């Protein structure tokens, strides 16, 4: 029986074939799908911010940040073992707002995409497909049987990754 598992903002979920993971509302946020083709276990993370280091609060929600969420999700996919053979696909990182001056929120979508790419590279996980940038929201649906991903944009276009 196929389960459709929803991933909320600042969250991640891990499951296996034949389940489907999905997240809605990827604007400046980035969806990161990481998959192990051998076990057909994968995860989907919906991050909001690139980096947790500017924040001092000890009660941070790690799933909100690219630098913390990705390693947590990968550890769960691999049961804490070395992550050789994992692959990734990403979507989101749109420029949803116009800011007249530079501040912490400017270019957040672009900064999120860069942080995700850097963290995956650091972990040795190649990005095999992406659908990022622009100025429109996305929904990301991940098939854990095939690792095919459907990206649905707010203007109703569907792209397969």
Protein backbone atom coordinates (compact mmCIF):
# COMPACT_ATOMS: atom_id res chain seq x y z
CA UNK A 1 0.00 0.00 0.00
CA UNK A 2 1.41 3.38 -1.04
CA UNK A 3 1.43 6.08 1.61
CA UNK A 4 1.42 9.76 0.65
CA UNK A 5 3.49 11.49 3.32
CA UNK A 6 3.27 15.27 3.66
CA UNK A 7 6.34 17.22 4.69
CA UNK A 8 5.62 20.54 6.34
CA UNK A 9 7.66 23.72 6.37
CA UNK A 10 10.79 23.33 8.51
CA UNK A 11 10.42 19.56 8.57
CA UNK A 12 11.67 16.42 6.88
CA UNK A 13 10.37 12.89 6.46
CA UNK A 14 12.09 9.64 5.50
CA UNK A 15 10.42 6.56 4.05
CA UNK A 16 10.91 3.82 1.49
CA UNK A 17 9.46 2.45 -1.72
CA UNK A 18 6.64 2.54 -2.76
CA UNK A 19 5.74 5.62 -0.67
CA UNK A 20 5.44 9.16 -1.98
CA UNK A 21 6.77 12.23 -0.15
CA UNK A 22 5.38 15.67 -0.92
CA UNK A 23 5.80 19.24 0.22
CA UNK A 24 3.75 22.31 -0.66
CA UNK A 25 4.57 25.99 -0.66
CA UNK A 26 8.18 26.07 -1.78
CA UNK A 27 8.66 29.77 -2.41
CA UNK A 28 12.04 30.97 -1.21
CA UNK A 29 12.26 27.70 0.75
CA UNK A 30 14.09 24.75 -0.79
CA UNK A 31 12.94 21.13 -1.01
CA UNK A 32 15.78 18.63 -0.84
CA UNK A 33 15.14 15.04 -1.88
CA UNK A 34 17.92 12.59 -1.01
CA UNK A 35 17.69 8.99 -2.18
CA UNK A 36 19.53 5.70 -1.86
CA UNK A 37 18.94 3.81 -5.15
CA UNK A 38 20.06 0.49 -3.62
CA UNK A 39 17.64 0.47 -0.68
CA UNK A 40 15.04 2.77 -2.31
CA UNK A 41 14.87 4.73 0.93
CA UNK A 42 14.73 8.48 0.63
CA UNK A 43 13.88 11.66 2.41
CA UNK A 44 12.42 15.06 1.67
CA UNK A 45 13.34 18.18 3.62
CA UNK A 46 11.66 21.60 3.40
CA UNK A 47 14.17 24.17 4.67
CA UNK A 48 13.44 27.86 5.26
CA UNK A 49 16.87 29.34 5.99
CA UNK A 50 20.40 28.65 4.81
CA UNK A 51 22.44 28.79 8.01
CA UNK A 52 21.78 28.39 11.72
CA UNK A 53 25.01 30.03 12.92
CA UNK A 54 23.68 33.63 13.18
CA UNK A 55 21.10 32.42 15.69
CA UNK A 56 22.03 31.97 19.34
CA UNK A 57 18.84 30.40 20.66
CA UNK A 58 19.56 26.89 21.94
CA UNK A 59 15.99 25.89 21.16
CA UNK A 60 16.40 26.26 17.40
CA UNK A 61 14.40 23.91 15.25
CA UNK A 62 17.17 22.21 13.24
CA UNK A 63 14.79 21.21 10.43
CA UNK A 64 14.45 24.89 9.52
CA UNK A 65 18.08 25.28 8.41
CA UNK A 66 19.96 23.75 5.46
CA UNK A 67 23.15 23.27 7.47
CA UNK A 68 21.36 21.22 10.16
CA UNK A 69 18.40 19.55 8.42
CA UNK A 70 20.31 17.85 5.61
CA UNK A 71 22.76 15.94 7.85
CA UNK A 72 19.91 14.87 10.16
CA UNK A 73 17.85 13.57 7.25
CA UNK A 74 20.82 11.79 5.64
CA UNK A 75 21.67 10.11 8.94
CA UNK A 76 18.12 8.79 9.18
CA UNK A 77 18.18 7.55 5.54
CA UNK A 78 21.46 5.69 6.11
CA UNK A 79 20.86 4.64 9.74
CA UNK A 80 23.94 6.65 10.66
CA UNK A 81 26.21 4.77 8.25
CA UNK A 82 28.46 6.25 5.59
CA UNK A 83 26.33 7.78 2.84
CA UNK A 84 28.05 6.43 -0.27
CA UNK A 85 25.81 6.19 -3.33
CA UNK A 86 23.20 8.73 -2.28
CA UNK A 87 21.82 11.15 -4.87
CA UNK A 88 19.79 14.34 -4.56
CA UNK A 89 17.30 16.51 -6.41
CA UNK A 90 16.32 20.01 -5.28
CA UNK A 91 13.58 22.54 -6.01
CA UNK A 92 12.50 25.97 -4.81
CA UNK A 93 14.61 28.96 -3.91
CA UNK A 94 12.40 31.45 -5.71
CA UNK A 95 12.71 35.19 -5.30
CA UNK A 96 9.27 35.83 -3.85
CA UNK A 97 9.77 39.33 -2.48
CA UNK A 98 11.31 42.59 -3.64
CA UNK A 99 13.43 44.39 -1.08
CA UNK A 100 14.65 47.90 -1.67
CA UNK A 101 17.65 47.50 0.58
CA UNK A 102 19.92 44.63 1.46
CA UNK A 103 19.00 42.89 4.67
CA UNK A 104 18.80 39.39 6.10
CA UNK A 105 15.76 38.57 3.95
CA UNK A 106 17.09 39.77 0.61
CA UNK A 107 17.93 37.06 -1.89
CA UNK A 108 16.89 34.43 0.67
CA UNK A 109 15.82 31.99 -2.05
CA UNK A 110 19.17 32.23 -3.81
CA UNK A 111 21.02 31.96 -0.49
CA UNK A 112 18.99 28.87 0.42
CA UNK A 113 19.87 27.18 -2.88
CA UNK A 114 23.58 27.98 -2.46
CA UNK A 115 23.59 26.65 1.12
CA UNK A 116 21.87 23.43 0.06
CA UNK A 117 24.32 22.91 -2.81
CA UNK A 118 27.30 23.56 -0.51
CA UNK A 119 26.06 21.17 2.20
CA UNK A 120 25.31 18.37 -0.28
CA UNK A 121 28.72 18.84 -1.93
CA UNK A 122 30.42 18.78 1.48
CA UNK A 123 28.62 15.49 2.22
CA UNK A 124 29.57 13.98 -1.16
CA UNK A 125 25.98 13.78 -2.42
CA UNK A 126 25.62 14.81 -6.08
CA UNK A 127 22.62 16.83 -7.22
CA UNK A 128 21.37 15.06 -10.32
CA UNK A 129 18.48 17.43 -11.09
CA UNK A 130 17.16 20.78 -9.93
CA UNK A 131 14.32 23.21 -10.51
CA UNK A 132 15.28 26.39 -8.68
CA UNK A 133 15.06 30.16 -8.88
CA UNK A 134 12.49 32.24 -10.67
CA UNK A 135 9.68 33.97 -8.83
CA UNK A 136 6.94 31.37 -8.55
CA UNK A 137 5.99 28.84 -5.86
CA UNK A 138 6.30 25.09 -6.25
CA UNK A 139 5.00 21.79 -4.93
CA UNK A 140 7.42 18.85 -4.91
CA UNK A 141 6.21 15.23 -5.11
CA UNK A 142 8.83 12.46 -4.74
CA UNK A 143 8.16 8.87 -5.84
CA UNK A 144 10.40 6.66 -3.67
CA UNK A 145 10.01 3.69 -5.99
CA UNK A 146 11.63 5.42 -8.97
CA UNK A 147 12.96 8.71 -7.52
CA UNK A 148 10.98 10.52 -10.17
CA UNK A 149 9.93 13.94 -8.91
CA UNK A 150 7.04 16.02 -10.15
CA UNK A 151 7.34 19.77 -9.65
CA UNK A 152 4.07 21.64 -9.92
CA UNK A 153 4.30 25.41 -10.13
CA UNK A 154 1.71 27.96 -9.13
CA UNK A 155 1.00 28.61 -12.81
CA UNK A 156 0.03 24.91 -13.10
CA UNK A 157 3.02 23.71 -15.10
CA UNK A 158 4.34 20.23 -14.24
CA UNK A 159 8.03 19.39 -14.64
CA UNK A 160 9.55 15.95 -14.10
CA UNK A 161 12.97 15.72 -12.48
